Amino acid sequence: MLPLTGQLVTNTIANDVDWRYKHAGIMAFSQIGEYIDEAEKIASMIPVLIQHLKHPNPKIRYASLHSIGQLADDMPKDFQEAYHATVIPALLEALDDPIPRVQAHACAACTNFFENVDPLVLKPHTQVICTKLCAMIQSGISIIKENAVTTLATTAERNEKDFAPYFRETLKFLIGFLNEFTSSAYKQFRGQTIEGITLICAAVGEETFKPCADDVIQVLLHIQNN
């Protein structure tokens, strides 16, 4: 079915009159990864998805991010190995999208992609990733904060002990936000931040975590008791 589906999607995406055609085509393409055995078979569509990450319509950008994230999830490791050179820079650029919902979905796509990427591939991008995500957590609305903290934890998990240079600053940053955002509107964010702290501390290993253990325990006890 791939040749037939691919042609239908290509024809639909080519429609520049009505954005809904592009949106439908891209969303349809996002569903085929589950049934494809070899990532190379969808090579012709990857530049199309990356191109549409810069489309003027935010719904098209959102659909393209959704498709990349879904393909990364449905074709774990193979998709990342085949397309990381072009996909990672495009996703990092998408983190700067001016539309909050698109920006949040860029985080979700990054999470899906990073979960199964080779740590050696991710490592050179880690500093840029951390800088962008921390800025988003600091200034973004709740949906951005929630997705960004999850992506940050995934980045740490893939780097493991190589995340140590970023650990103390990141941990201090996240603990500070646990103490700052206490209203019910940020309940989901606080829960994901606690999970993120747990994953990050586990990722870097006991030696790196131990000097910060008391700080983490105290803030969790404070949340539990209040």
N, C-alpha and C. Protein backbone atom coordinates (compact mmCIF):
# COMPACT_ATOMS: atom_id res chain seq x y z
N MET A 1 0.82 -1.22 0.00
CA MET A 1 0.00 0.00 0.00
C MET A 1 0.85 1.27 0.00
N LEU A 2 2.14 1.16 0.36
CA LEU A 2 2.96 2.36 0.51
C LEU A 2 3.04 3.22 -0.75
N PRO A 3 3.30 2.63 -1.93
CA PRO A 3 3.34 3.47 -3.14
C PRO A 3 2.03 4.21 -3.39
N LEU A 4 0.90 3.52 -3.17
CA LEU A 4 -0.40 4.15 -3.39
C LEU A 4 -0.65 5.25 -2.37
N THR A 5 -0.38 4.95 -1.09
CA THR A 5 -0.58 5.93 -0.03
C THR A 5 0.35 7.13 -0.22
N GLY A 6 1.60 6.82 -0.54
CA GLY A 6 2.58 7.90 -0.75
C GLY A 6 2.16 8.86 -1.84
N GLN A 7 1.62 8.33 -2.94
CA GLN A 7 1.19 9.19 -4.04
C GLN A 7 -0.02 10.03 -3.65
N LEU A 8 -0.96 9.41 -2.94
CA LEU A 8 -2.13 10.15 -2.48
C LEU A 8 -1.73 11.29 -1.53
N VAL A 9 -0.84 10.99 -0.61
CA VAL A 9 -0.37 12.00 0.33
C VAL A 9 0.37 13.11 -0.39
N THR A 10 1.22 12.73 -1.33
CA THR A 10 1.98 13.73 -2.09
C THR A 10 1.04 14.66 -2.85
N ASN A 11 0.03 14.10 -3.49
CA ASN A 11 -0.94 14.91 -4.23
C ASN A 11 -1.71 15.85 -3.30
N THR A 12 -2.08 15.33 -2.12
CA THR A 12 -2.86 16.13 -1.17
C THR A 12 -2.03 17.28 -0.61
N ILE A 13 -0.78 16.98 -0.26
CA ILE A 13 0.09 18.01 0.31
C ILE A 13 0.40 19.10 -0.70
N ALA A 14 0.35 18.76 -2.00
CA ALA A 14 0.66 19.73 -3.04
C ALA A 14 -0.40 20.82 -3.17
N ASN A 15 -1.56 20.63 -2.54
CA ASN A 15 -2.64 21.61 -2.62
C ASN A 15 -2.30 22.83 -1.76
N ASP A 16 -2.10 23.96 -2.42
CA ASP A 16 -1.74 25.19 -1.71
C ASP A 16 -2.92 26.13 -1.54
N VAL A 17 -4.09 25.71 -1.97
CA VAL A 17 -5.27 26.56 -1.90
C VAL A 17 -5.94 26.47 -0.53
N ASP A 18 -6.08 25.26 -0.03
CA ASP A 18 -6.79 25.01 1.22
C ASP A 18 -5.85 24.27 2.17
N TRP A 19 -5.51 24.88 3.31
CA TRP A 19 -4.57 24.28 4.25
C TRP A 19 -5.03 22.91 4.75
N ARG A 20 -6.34 22.64 4.73
CA ARG A 20 -6.86 21.39 5.27
C ARG A 20 -6.37 20.17 4.48
N TYR A 21 -6.08 20.38 3.17
CA TYR A 21 -5.56 19.28 2.37
C TYR A 21 -4.17 18.87 2.86
N LYS A 22 -3.32 19.86 3.06
CA LYS A 22 -1.98 19.58 3.57
C LYS A 22 -2.05 18.91 4.94
N HIS A 23 -2.89 19.46 5.78
CA HIS A 23 -3.03 18.92 7.13
C HIS A 23 -3.47 17.46 7.09
N ALA A 24 -4.48 17.16 6.28
CA ALA A 24 -4.98 15.79 6.18
C ALA A 24 -3.91 14.84 5.63
N GLY A 25 -3.18 15.29 4.63
CA GLY A 25 -2.15 14.46 4.02
C GLY A 25 -1.03 14.13 5.00
N ILE A 26 -0.58 15.15 5.73
CA ILE A 26 0.52 14.95 6.69
C ILE A 26 0.05 14.04 7.83
N MET A 27 -1.15 14.26 8.32
CA MET A 27 -1.66 13.43 9.41
C MET A 27 -1.85 11.98 8.95
N ALA A 28 -2.26 11.80 7.70
CA ALA A 28 -2.40 10.44 7.16
C ALA A 28 -1.03 9.76 7.09
N PHE A 29 -0.03 10.52 6.67
CA PHE A 29 1.32 9.96 6.57
C PHE A 29 1.86 9.53 7.94
N SER A 30 1.44 10.24 8.98
CA SER A 30 1.94 9.92 10.32
C SER A 30 1.52 8.54 10.78
N GLN A 31 0.52 7.96 10.13
CA GLN A 31 -0.01 6.67 10.57
C GLN A 31 0.66 5.46 9.91
N ILE A 32 1.52 5.69 8.93
CA ILE A 32 2.03 4.53 8.18
C ILE A 32 3.28 3.91 8.79
N GLY A 33 3.97 4.63 9.69
CA GLY A 33 5.21 4.12 10.25
C GLY A 33 5.05 2.79 10.96
N GLU A 34 3.89 2.59 11.54
CA GLU A 34 3.61 1.37 12.29
C GLU A 34 3.67 0.12 11.40
N TYR A 35 3.49 0.32 10.07
CA TYR A 35 3.38 -0.82 9.16
C TYR A 35 4.56 -0.93 8.20
N ILE A 36 5.58 -0.08 8.38
CA ILE A 36 6.73 -0.10 7.49
C ILE A 36 7.91 -0.73 8.21
N ASP A 37 8.58 -1.68 7.55
CA ASP A 37 9.69 -2.39 8.18
C ASP A 37 11.02 -1.66 8.06
N GLU A 38 11.20 -0.91 6.99
CA GLU A 38 12.49 -0.26 6.73
C GLU A 38 12.30 1.25 6.62
N ALA A 39 13.06 1.98 7.44
CA ALA A 39 12.93 3.44 7.47
C ALA A 39 13.29 4.07 6.13
N GLU A 40 14.16 3.40 5.37
CA GLU A 40 14.60 3.97 4.09
C GLU A 40 13.45 4.11 3.10
N LYS A 41 12.39 3.34 3.30
CA LYS A 41 11.27 3.36 2.36
C LYS A 41 10.48 4.67 2.41
N ILE A 42 10.64 5.44 3.49
CA ILE A 42 9.91 6.71 3.60
C ILE A 42 10.84 7.91 3.42
N ALA A 43 12.02 7.66 2.86
CA ALA A 43 13.04 8.72 2.74
C ALA A 43 12.54 9.94 1.98
N SER A 44 11.70 9.72 0.97
CA SER A 44 11.26 10.85 0.15
C SER A 44 10.34 11.80 0.90
N MET A 45 9.71 11.32 1.98
CA MET A 45 8.77 12.16 2.71
C MET A 45 9.42 12.99 3.81
N ILE A 46 10.60 12.61 4.25
CA ILE A 46 11.23 13.31 5.37
C ILE A 46 11.53 14.77 5.03
N PRO A 47 12.13 15.08 3.88
CA PRO A 47 12.33 16.50 3.54
C PRO A 47 11.03 17.29 3.46
N VAL A 48 9.95 16.62 3.06
CA VAL A 48 8.65 17.28 2.97
C VAL A 48 8.17 17.68 4.37
N LEU A 49 8.30 16.76 5.31
CA LEU A 49 7.89 17.05 6.69
C LEU A 49 8.72 18.18 7.28
N ILE A 50 10.02 18.12 7.06
CA ILE A 50 10.90 19.16 7.60
C ILE A 50 10.59 20.51 6.97
N GLN A 51 10.32 20.51 5.68
CA GLN A 51 9.96 21.75 4.98
C GLN A 51 8.70 22.37 5.58
N HIS A 52 7.73 21.54 5.94
CA HIS A 52 6.46 22.06 6.45
C HIS A 52 6.53 22.45 7.93
N LEU A 53 7.66 22.21 8.57
CA LEU A 53 7.85 22.73 9.93
C LEU A 53 7.96 24.26 9.92
N LYS A 54 8.15 24.83 8.73
CA LYS A 54 8.25 26.29 8.60
C LYS A 54 7.05 26.87 7.85
N HIS A 55 6.00 26.08 7.70
CA HIS A 55 4.81 26.56 6.97
C HIS A 55 4.16 27.71 7.74
N PRO A 56 3.60 28.70 7.04
CA PRO A 56 2.98 29.85 7.74
C PRO A 56 1.81 29.46 8.64
N ASN A 57 1.11 28.38 8.30
CA ASN A 57 -0.04 27.97 9.11
C ASN A 57 0.42 27.11 10.29
N PRO A 58 0.14 27.51 11.52
CA PRO A 58 0.61 26.74 12.67
C PRO A 58 0.04 25.32 12.74
N LYS A 59 -1.15 25.12 12.16
CA LYS A 59 -1.74 23.78 12.18
C LYS A 59 -0.95 22.81 11.29
N ILE A 60 -0.36 23.35 10.23
CA ILE A 60 0.50 22.52 9.37
C ILE A 60 1.80 22.20 10.09
N ARG A 61 2.36 23.18 10.78
CA ARG A 61 3.59 22.95 11.54
C ARG A 61 3.33 21.90 12.63
N TYR A 62 2.18 22.03 13.29
CA TYR A 62 1.80 21.08 14.34
C TYR A 62 1.69 19.66 13.75
N ALA A 63 1.03 19.54 12.60
CA ALA A 63 0.85 18.23 11.97
C ALA A 63 2.19 17.62 11.59
N SER A 64 3.12 18.43 11.11
CA SER A 64 4.43 17.93 10.72
C SER A 64 5.20 17.42 11.94
N LEU A 65 5.12 18.16 13.04
CA LEU A 65 5.74 17.71 14.29
C LEU A 65 5.11 16.42 14.78
N HIS A 66 3.79 16.36 14.66
CA HIS A 66 3.07 15.15 15.08
C HIS A 66 3.54 13.95 14.27
N SER A 67 3.70 14.14 12.97
CA SER A 67 4.12 13.05 12.10
C SER A 67 5.53 12.58 12.44
N ILE A 68 6.43 13.52 12.65
CA ILE A 68 7.81 13.15 13.01
C ILE A 68 7.83 12.40 14.34
N GLY A 69 7.10 12.91 15.32
CA GLY A 69 7.05 12.25 16.61
C GLY A 69 6.45 10.86 16.53
N GLN A 70 5.40 10.70 15.73
CA GLN A 70 4.74 9.40 15.59
C GLN A 70 5.65 8.40 14.88
N LEU A 71 6.32 8.85 13.83
CA LEU A 71 7.25 7.96 13.11
C LEU A 71 8.40 7.53 14.01
N ALA A 72 8.90 8.46 14.83
CA ALA A 72 9.98 8.13 15.75
C ALA A 72 9.54 7.09 16.77
N ASP A 73 8.28 7.16 17.15
CA ASP A 73 7.73 6.22 18.13
C ASP A 73 7.41 4.86 17.50
N ASP A 74 6.93 4.87 16.26
CA ASP A 74 6.54 3.64 15.59
C ASP A 74 7.71 2.88 14.97
N MET A 75 8.80 3.61 14.67
CA MET A 75 9.98 2.99 14.05
C MET A 75 11.21 3.25 14.93
N PRO A 76 11.15 2.83 16.19
CA PRO A 76 12.22 3.18 17.13
C PRO A 76 13.59 2.71 16.68
N LYS A 77 14.56 3.57 16.88
CA LYS A 77 15.97 3.36 16.54
C LYS A 77 16.23 3.44 15.04
N ASP A 78 15.44 2.72 14.23
CA ASP A 78 15.66 2.77 12.78
C ASP A 78 15.42 4.17 12.23
N PHE A 79 14.33 4.78 12.64
CA PHE A 79 14.01 6.14 12.16
C PHE A 79 15.08 7.12 12.64
N GLN A 80 15.46 7.02 13.90
CA GLN A 80 16.46 7.92 14.46
C GLN A 80 17.81 7.75 13.76
N GLU A 81 18.19 6.51 13.53
CA GLU A 81 19.49 6.25 12.90
C GLU A 81 19.53 6.78 11.48
N ALA A 82 18.43 6.64 10.77
CA ALA A 82 18.40 7.03 9.36
C ALA A 82 18.31 8.54 9.16
N TYR A 83 17.64 9.27 10.07
CA TYR A 83 17.31 10.66 9.78
C TYR A 83 17.74 11.67 10.84
N HIS A 84 18.54 11.26 11.81
CA HIS A 84 18.90 12.18 12.90
C HIS A 84 19.63 13.43 12.41
N ALA A 85 20.41 13.30 11.35
CA ALA A 85 21.23 14.43 10.89
C ALA A 85 20.38 15.62 10.46
N THR A 86 19.21 15.35 9.91
CA THR A 86 18.33 16.44 9.47
C THR A 86 17.20 16.72 10.46
N VAL A 87 16.73 15.67 11.13
CA VAL A 87 15.57 15.83 12.00
C VAL A 87 15.91 16.58 13.29
N ILE A 88 17.02 16.26 13.94
CA ILE A 88 17.34 16.91 15.21
C ILE A 88 17.49 18.43 15.05
N PRO A 89 18.27 18.93 14.10
CA PRO A 89 18.35 20.39 13.94
C PRO A 89 16.99 21.03 13.66
N ALA A 90 16.15 20.35 12.88
CA ALA A 90 14.82 20.89 12.56
C ALA A 90 13.94 20.94 13.80
N LEU A 91 14.02 19.91 14.64
CA LEU A 91 13.23 19.90 15.87
C LEU A 91 13.71 20.98 16.85
N LEU A 92 15.01 21.17 16.94
CA LEU A 92 15.53 22.20 17.84
C LEU A 92 15.10 23.59 17.39
N GLU A 93 15.04 23.79 16.08
CA GLU A 93 14.56 25.08 15.57
C GLU A 93 13.07 25.24 15.87
N ALA A 94 12.32 24.13 15.80
CA ALA A 94 10.87 24.19 16.06
C ALA A 94 10.57 24.54 17.52
N LEU A 95 11.53 24.32 18.42
CA LEU A 95 11.33 24.69 19.82
C LEU A 95 11.17 26.20 20.00
N ASP A 96 11.52 26.96 18.99
CA ASP A 96 11.38 28.42 19.05
C ASP A 96 10.10 28.92 18.40
N ASP A 97 9.19 28.00 18.06
CA ASP A 97 7.95 28.39 17.40
C ASP A 97 7.18 29.41 18.25
N PRO A 98 6.59 30.44 17.62
CA PRO A 98 5.90 31.48 18.39
C PRO A 98 4.53 31.07 18.93
N ILE A 99 3.98 29.95 18.45
CA ILE A 99 2.66 29.51 18.89
C ILE A 99 2.82 28.49 20.02
N PRO A 100 2.27 28.76 21.21
CA PRO A 100 2.49 27.88 22.36
C PRO A 100 2.16 26.42 22.12
N ARG A 101 1.03 26.13 21.49
CA ARG A 101 0.65 24.73 21.29
C ARG A 101 1.62 24.02 20.34
N VAL A 102 2.10 24.73 19.34
CA VAL A 102 3.08 24.15 18.42
C VAL A 102 4.41 23.95 19.15
N GLN A 103 4.79 24.93 19.94
CA GLN A 103 6.03 24.83 20.71
C GLN A 103 5.99 23.64 21.67
N ALA A 104 4.86 23.46 22.33
CA ALA A 104 4.70 22.33 23.24
C ALA A 104 4.78 21.01 22.48
N HIS A 105 4.20 20.98 21.29
CA HIS A 105 4.22 19.74 20.50
C HIS A 105 5.62 19.47 19.96
N ALA A 106 6.40 20.53 19.74
CA ALA A 106 7.80 20.34 19.36
C ALA A 106 8.55 19.61 20.47
N CYS A 107 8.25 19.95 21.71
CA CYS A 107 8.84 19.23 22.85
C CYS A 107 8.44 17.76 22.83
N ALA A 108 7.16 17.50 22.57
CA ALA A 108 6.68 16.11 22.53
C ALA A 108 7.36 15.32 21.42
N ALA A 109 7.55 15.95 20.26
CA ALA A 109 8.24 15.29 19.15
C ALA A 109 9.70 15.01 19.51
N CYS A 110 10.33 15.96 20.19
CA CYS A 110 11.72 15.76 20.65
C CYS A 110 11.79 14.58 21.62
N THR A 111 10.84 14.52 22.54
CA THR A 111 10.82 13.42 23.51
C THR A 111 10.74 12.08 22.80
N ASN A 112 9.83 11.96 21.84
CA ASN A 112 9.68 10.72 21.09
C ASN A 112 10.96 10.36 20.34
N PHE A 113 11.60 11.38 19.76
CA PHE A 113 12.80 11.12 18.96
C PHE A 113 13.98 10.78 19.86
N PHE A 114 14.14 11.51 20.96
CA PHE A 114 15.29 11.32 21.83
C PHE A 114 15.25 9.98 22.57
N GLU A 115 14.07 9.46 22.82
CA GLU A 115 13.93 8.23 23.60
C GLU A 115 14.69 7.06 23.00
N ASN A 116 14.83 7.05 21.69
CA ASN A 116 15.49 5.92 21.01
C ASN A 116 16.66 6.33 20.13
N VAL A 117 17.20 7.52 20.38
CA VAL A 117 18.35 7.97 19.59
C VAL A 117 19.63 7.48 20.25
N ASP A 118 20.66 7.29 19.47
CA ASP A 118 21.98 6.91 19.98
C ASP A 118 22.51 8.05 20.86
N PRO A 119 22.91 7.76 22.11
CA PRO A 119 23.42 8.82 22.99
C PRO A 119 24.57 9.60 22.38
N LEU A 120 25.39 8.95 21.57
CA LEU A 120 26.51 9.65 20.94
C LEU A 120 26.03 10.68 19.92
N VAL A 121 24.88 10.41 19.33
CA VAL A 121 24.28 11.37 18.39
C VAL A 121 23.70 12.56 19.14
N LEU A 122 23.10 12.30 20.30
CA LEU A 122 22.43 13.35 21.06
C LEU A 122 23.42 14.24 21.82
N LYS A 123 24.52 13.67 22.26
CA LYS A 123 25.45 14.38 23.14
C LYS A 123 25.89 15.75 22.61
N PRO A 124 26.27 15.90 21.33
CA PRO A 124 26.71 17.22 20.85
C PRO A 124 25.63 18.30 20.90
N HIS A 125 24.38 17.88 20.98
CA HIS A 125 23.26 18.84 21.00
C HIS A 125 22.77 19.15 22.41
N THR A 126 23.32 18.47 23.41
CA THR A 126 22.75 18.53 24.76
C THR A 126 22.73 19.93 25.35
N GLN A 127 23.81 20.67 25.18
CA GLN A 127 23.86 22.01 25.76
C GLN A 127 22.79 22.92 25.17
N VAL A 128 22.64 22.88 23.85
CA VAL A 128 21.61 23.70 23.19
C VAL A 128 20.23 23.26 23.65
N ILE A 129 20.01 21.95 23.74
CA ILE A 129 18.71 21.42 24.18
C ILE A 129 18.38 21.93 25.57
N CYS A 130 19.33 21.80 26.50
CA CYS A 130 19.10 22.21 27.88
C CYS A 130 18.81 23.71 27.98
N THR A 131 19.56 24.51 27.23
CA THR A 131 19.37 25.96 27.26
C THR A 131 17.97 26.34 26.79
N LYS A 132 17.55 25.74 25.67
CA LYS A 132 16.23 26.05 25.12
C LYS A 132 15.11 25.59 26.06
N LEU A 133 15.24 24.36 26.57
CA LEU A 133 14.17 23.81 27.41
C LEU A 133 14.05 24.56 28.73
N CYS A 134 15.16 24.92 29.33
CA CYS A 134 15.11 25.66 30.59
C CYS A 134 14.45 27.03 30.40
N ALA A 135 14.74 27.67 29.26
CA ALA A 135 14.10 28.95 28.96
C ALA A 135 12.61 28.79 28.77
N MET A 136 12.20 27.68 28.15
CA MET A 136 10.78 27.42 27.93
C MET A 136 10.06 27.13 29.25
N ILE A 137 10.72 26.38 30.13
CA ILE A 137 10.13 26.09 31.43
C ILE A 137 9.96 27.38 32.23
N GLN A 138 10.91 28.27 32.08
CA GLN A 138 10.88 29.51 32.85
C GLN A 138 9.80 30.47 32.38
N SER A 139 9.65 30.59 31.07
CA SER A 139 8.77 31.65 30.55
C SER A 139 7.50 31.14 29.87
N GLY A 140 7.40 29.85 29.60
CA GLY A 140 6.26 29.34 28.85
C GLY A 140 5.01 29.17 29.69
N ILE A 141 3.87 29.05 29.02
CA ILE A 141 2.62 28.75 29.72
C ILE A 141 2.65 27.30 30.17
N SER A 142 1.63 26.87 30.92
CA SER A 142 1.67 25.56 31.57
C SER A 142 1.90 24.41 30.61
N ILE A 143 1.24 24.42 29.45
CA ILE A 143 1.39 23.30 28.51
C ILE A 143 2.83 23.20 27.99
N ILE A 144 3.49 24.34 27.84
CA ILE A 144 4.89 24.35 27.42
C ILE A 144 5.78 23.84 28.55
N LYS A 145 5.54 24.33 29.75
CA LYS A 145 6.34 23.88 30.91
C LYS A 145 6.26 22.36 31.07
N GLU A 146 5.06 21.82 30.97
CA GLU A 146 4.84 20.39 31.18
C GLU A 146 5.61 19.56 30.16
N ASN A 147 5.51 19.93 28.91
CA ASN A 147 6.18 19.16 27.85
C ASN A 147 7.68 19.35 27.88
N ALA A 148 8.12 20.56 28.20
CA ALA A 148 9.56 20.85 28.20
C ALA A 148 10.28 20.09 29.30
N VAL A 149 9.67 19.99 30.48
CA VAL A 149 10.33 19.29 31.58
C VAL A 149 10.43 17.79 31.28
N THR A 150 9.47 17.23 30.58
CA THR A 150 9.53 15.83 30.17
C THR A 150 10.65 15.61 29.16
N THR A 151 10.78 16.52 28.21
CA THR A 151 11.86 16.41 27.22
C THR A 151 13.22 16.54 27.89
N LEU A 152 13.33 17.43 28.86
CA LEU A 152 14.58 17.61 29.59
C LEU A 152 14.97 16.32 30.31
N ALA A 153 14.00 15.67 30.94
CA ALA A 153 14.28 14.41 31.64
C ALA A 153 14.70 13.32 30.66
N THR A 154 14.06 13.27 29.50
CA THR A 154 14.43 12.29 28.47
C THR A 154 15.85 12.52 27.98
N THR A 155 16.22 13.79 27.82
CA THR A 155 17.58 14.14 27.39
C THR A 155 18.60 13.63 28.40
N ALA A 156 18.30 13.82 29.67
CA ALA A 156 19.20 13.34 30.73
C ALA A 156 19.29 11.82 30.72
N GLU A 157 18.16 11.16 30.54
CA GLU A 157 18.15 9.70 30.53
C GLU A 157 19.03 9.13 29.43
N ARG A 158 18.99 9.75 28.26
CA ARG A 158 19.80 9.24 27.15
C ARG A 158 21.28 9.53 27.34
N ASN A 159 21.59 10.65 27.98
CA ASN A 159 22.99 11.00 28.21
C ASN A 159 23.61 10.25 29.40
N GLU A 160 22.76 9.85 30.35
CA GLU A 160 23.19 9.18 31.57
C GLU A 160 24.31 9.97 32.26
N LYS A 161 25.44 9.37 32.54
CA LYS A 161 26.50 10.05 33.30
C LYS A 161 27.09 11.25 32.55
N ASP A 162 26.92 11.28 31.24
CA ASP A 162 27.41 12.42 30.46
C ASP A 162 26.57 13.68 30.69
N PHE A 163 25.45 13.52 31.40
CA PHE A 163 24.63 14.68 31.74
C PHE A 163 25.16 15.40 32.98
N ALA A 164 26.16 14.83 33.62
CA ALA A 164 26.71 15.37 34.87
C ALA A 164 27.07 16.85 34.80
N PRO A 165 27.66 17.36 33.70
CA PRO A 165 28.01 18.78 33.65
C PRO A 165 26.81 19.72 33.76
N TYR A 166 25.64 19.23 33.41
CA TYR A 166 24.43 20.05 33.43
C TYR A 166 23.56 19.76 34.66
N PHE A 167 23.96 18.77 35.45
CA PHE A 167 23.09 18.24 36.49
C PHE A 167 22.77 19.25 37.59
N ARG A 168 23.79 19.82 38.21
CA ARG A 168 23.56 20.70 39.36
C ARG A 168 22.71 21.91 38.99
N GLU A 169 23.05 22.53 37.89
CA GLU A 169 22.30 23.73 37.47
C GLU A 169 20.86 23.37 37.14
N THR A 170 20.67 22.26 36.43
CA THR A 170 19.32 21.83 36.06
C THR A 170 18.50 21.48 37.29
N LEU A 171 19.11 20.77 38.23
CA LEU A 171 18.40 20.37 39.44
C LEU A 171 18.00 21.59 40.28
N LYS A 172 18.91 22.52 40.43
CA LYS A 172 18.62 23.74 41.18
C LYS A 172 17.47 24.50 40.53
N PHE A 173 17.49 24.54 39.22
CA PHE A 173 16.48 25.22 38.42
C PHE A 173 15.10 24.58 38.66
N LEU A 174 15.03 23.25 38.58
CA LEU A 174 13.75 22.55 38.72
C LEU A 174 13.22 22.63 40.15
N ILE A 175 14.09 22.50 41.13
CA ILE A 175 13.66 22.61 42.53
C ILE A 175 13.11 24.01 42.79
N GLY A 176 13.75 25.02 42.22
CA GLY A 176 13.26 26.39 42.38
C GLY A 176 11.86 26.57 41.85
N PHE A 177 11.56 25.91 40.73
CA PHE A 177 10.22 26.04 40.15
C PHE A 177 9.18 25.25 40.93
N LEU A 178 9.60 24.17 41.57
CA LEU A 178 8.67 23.46 42.45
C LEU A 178 8.21 24.35 43.59
N ASN A 179 9.12 25.18 44.07
CA ASN A 179 8.79 26.08 45.17
C ASN A 179 8.03 27.32 44.70
N GLU A 180 8.21 27.67 43.43
CA GLU A 180 7.61 28.92 42.91
C GLU A 180 6.20 28.71 42.38
N PHE A 181 5.97 27.65 41.62
CA PHE A 181 4.67 27.43 40.97
C PHE A 181 3.83 26.48 41.83
N THR A 182 3.14 27.05 42.78
CA THR A 182 2.40 26.24 43.76
C THR A 182 0.89 26.28 43.57
N SER A 183 0.39 27.09 42.65
CA SER A 183 -1.06 27.19 42.47
C SER A 183 -1.59 25.94 41.76
N SER A 184 -2.91 25.73 41.86
CA SER A 184 -3.53 24.54 41.27
C SER A 184 -3.39 24.49 39.76
N ALA A 185 -3.21 25.64 39.13
CA ALA A 185 -3.06 25.68 37.68
C ALA A 185 -1.80 24.95 37.22
N TYR A 186 -0.82 24.83 38.10
CA TYR A 186 0.44 24.20 37.76
C TYR A 186 0.59 22.82 38.41
N LYS A 187 -0.52 22.21 38.78
CA LYS A 187 -0.48 20.91 39.43
C LYS A 187 0.16 19.85 38.52
N GLN A 188 -0.24 19.83 37.26
CA GLN A 188 0.32 18.87 36.31
C GLN A 188 1.81 19.13 36.11
N PHE A 189 2.18 20.38 36.00
CA PHE A 189 3.59 20.74 35.82
C PHE A 189 4.43 20.29 37.01
N ARG A 190 3.91 20.50 38.21
CA ARG A 190 4.64 20.11 39.41
C ARG A 190 4.83 18.58 39.46
N GLY A 191 3.78 17.85 39.09
CA GLY A 191 3.89 16.40 39.07
C GLY A 191 4.94 15.92 38.08
N GLN A 192 4.96 16.53 36.90
CA GLN A 192 5.94 16.14 35.89
C GLN A 192 7.34 16.59 36.27
N THR A 193 7.44 17.70 37.00
CA THR A 193 8.74 18.15 37.48
C THR A 193 9.31 17.17 38.50
N ILE A 194 8.46 16.69 39.40
CA ILE A 194 8.91 15.68 40.37
C ILE A 194 9.40 14.43 39.64
N GLU A 195 8.64 14.00 38.66
CA GLU A 195 9.05 12.83 37.87
C GLU A 195 10.36 13.12 37.14
N GLY A 196 10.48 14.33 36.57
CA GLY A 196 11.68 14.72 35.85
C GLY A 196 12.91 14.71 36.75
N ILE A 197 12.76 15.26 37.95
CA ILE A 197 13.87 15.27 38.92
C ILE A 197 14.30 13.84 39.24
N THR A 198 13.33 12.96 39.45
CA THR A 198 13.62 11.56 39.75
C THR A 198 14.43 10.91 38.62
N LEU A 199 13.98 11.11 37.39
CA LEU A 199 14.65 10.50 36.24
C LEU A 199 16.05 11.06 36.03
N ILE A 200 16.18 12.38 36.20
CA ILE A 200 17.48 13.02 36.00
C ILE A 200 18.48 12.56 37.06
N CYS A 201 18.03 12.48 38.31
CA CYS A 201 18.92 12.03 39.39
C CYS A 201 19.34 10.58 39.18
N ALA A 202 18.43 9.74 38.71
CA ALA A 202 18.77 8.35 38.45
C ALA A 202 19.73 8.23 37.26
N ALA A 203 19.56 9.11 36.28
CA ALA A 203 20.37 9.02 35.06
C ALA A 203 21.85 9.30 35.31
N VAL A 204 22.14 10.29 36.16
CA VAL A 204 23.55 10.70 36.33
C VAL A 204 24.33 9.78 37.24
N GLY A 205 23.66 8.93 38.01
CA GLY A 205 24.35 7.99 38.86
C GLY A 205 24.55 8.49 40.28
N GLU A 206 24.86 7.56 41.17
CA GLU A 206 24.92 7.86 42.60
C GLU A 206 26.01 8.88 42.94
N GLU A 207 27.16 8.76 42.31
CA GLU A 207 28.27 9.63 42.66
C GLU A 207 27.94 11.10 42.40
N THR A 208 27.29 11.38 41.29
CA THR A 208 26.92 12.76 40.96
C THR A 208 25.73 13.23 41.78
N PHE A 209 24.80 12.31 42.05
CA PHE A 209 23.58 12.67 42.76
C PHE A 209 23.80 12.89 44.25
N LYS A 210 24.70 12.12 44.84
CA LYS A 210 24.82 12.09 46.31
C LYS A 210 24.99 13.47 46.95
N PRO A 211 25.83 14.38 46.42
CA PRO A 211 25.98 15.69 47.06
C PRO A 211 24.70 16.53 47.07
N CYS A 212 23.76 16.19 46.18
CA CYS A 212 22.51 16.95 46.08
C CYS A 212 21.32 16.21 46.70
N ALA A 213 21.58 15.03 47.25
CA ALA A 213 20.49 14.18 47.74
C ALA A 213 19.65 14.87 48.80
N ASP A 214 20.30 15.55 49.75
CA ASP A 214 19.56 16.20 50.83
C ASP A 214 18.60 17.26 50.30
N ASP A 215 19.06 18.03 49.31
CA ASP A 215 18.20 19.08 48.74
C ASP A 215 16.95 18.47 48.11
N VAL A 216 17.14 17.38 47.37
CA VAL A 216 16.02 16.72 46.71
C VAL A 216 15.05 16.15 47.74
N ILE A 217 15.60 15.45 48.73
CA ILE A 217 14.75 14.84 49.75
C ILE A 217 13.95 15.89 50.51
N GLN A 218 14.59 17.00 50.86
CA GLN A 218 13.91 18.04 51.63
C GLN A 218 12.75 18.65 50.85
N VAL A 219 12.93 18.91 49.59
CA VAL A 219 11.87 19.53 48.82
C VAL A 219 10.70 18.55 48.62
N LEU A 220 11.01 17.26 48.46
CA LEU A 220 9.95 16.27 48.33
C LEU A 220 9.19 16.09 49.64
N LEU A 221 9.91 16.10 50.74
CA LEU A 221 9.25 16.01 52.05
C LEU A 221 8.35 17.22 52.30
N HIS A 222 8.82 18.38 51.88
CA HIS A 222 8.03 19.59 52.05
C HIS A 222 6.72 19.49 51.26
N ILE A 223 6.79 19.00 50.04
CA ILE A 223 5.59 18.82 49.21
C ILE A 223 4.66 17.80 49.86
N GLN A 224 5.23 16.69 50.31
CA GLN A 224 4.41 15.64 50.94
C GLN A 224 3.70 16.15 52.17
N ASN A 225 4.38 16.93 52.99
CA ASN A 225 3.82 17.39 54.27
C ASN A 225 2.88 18.58 54.13
N ASN A 226 2.87 19.19 52.97
CA ASN A 226 2.03 20.38 52.78
C ASN A 226 0.99 20.19 51.68
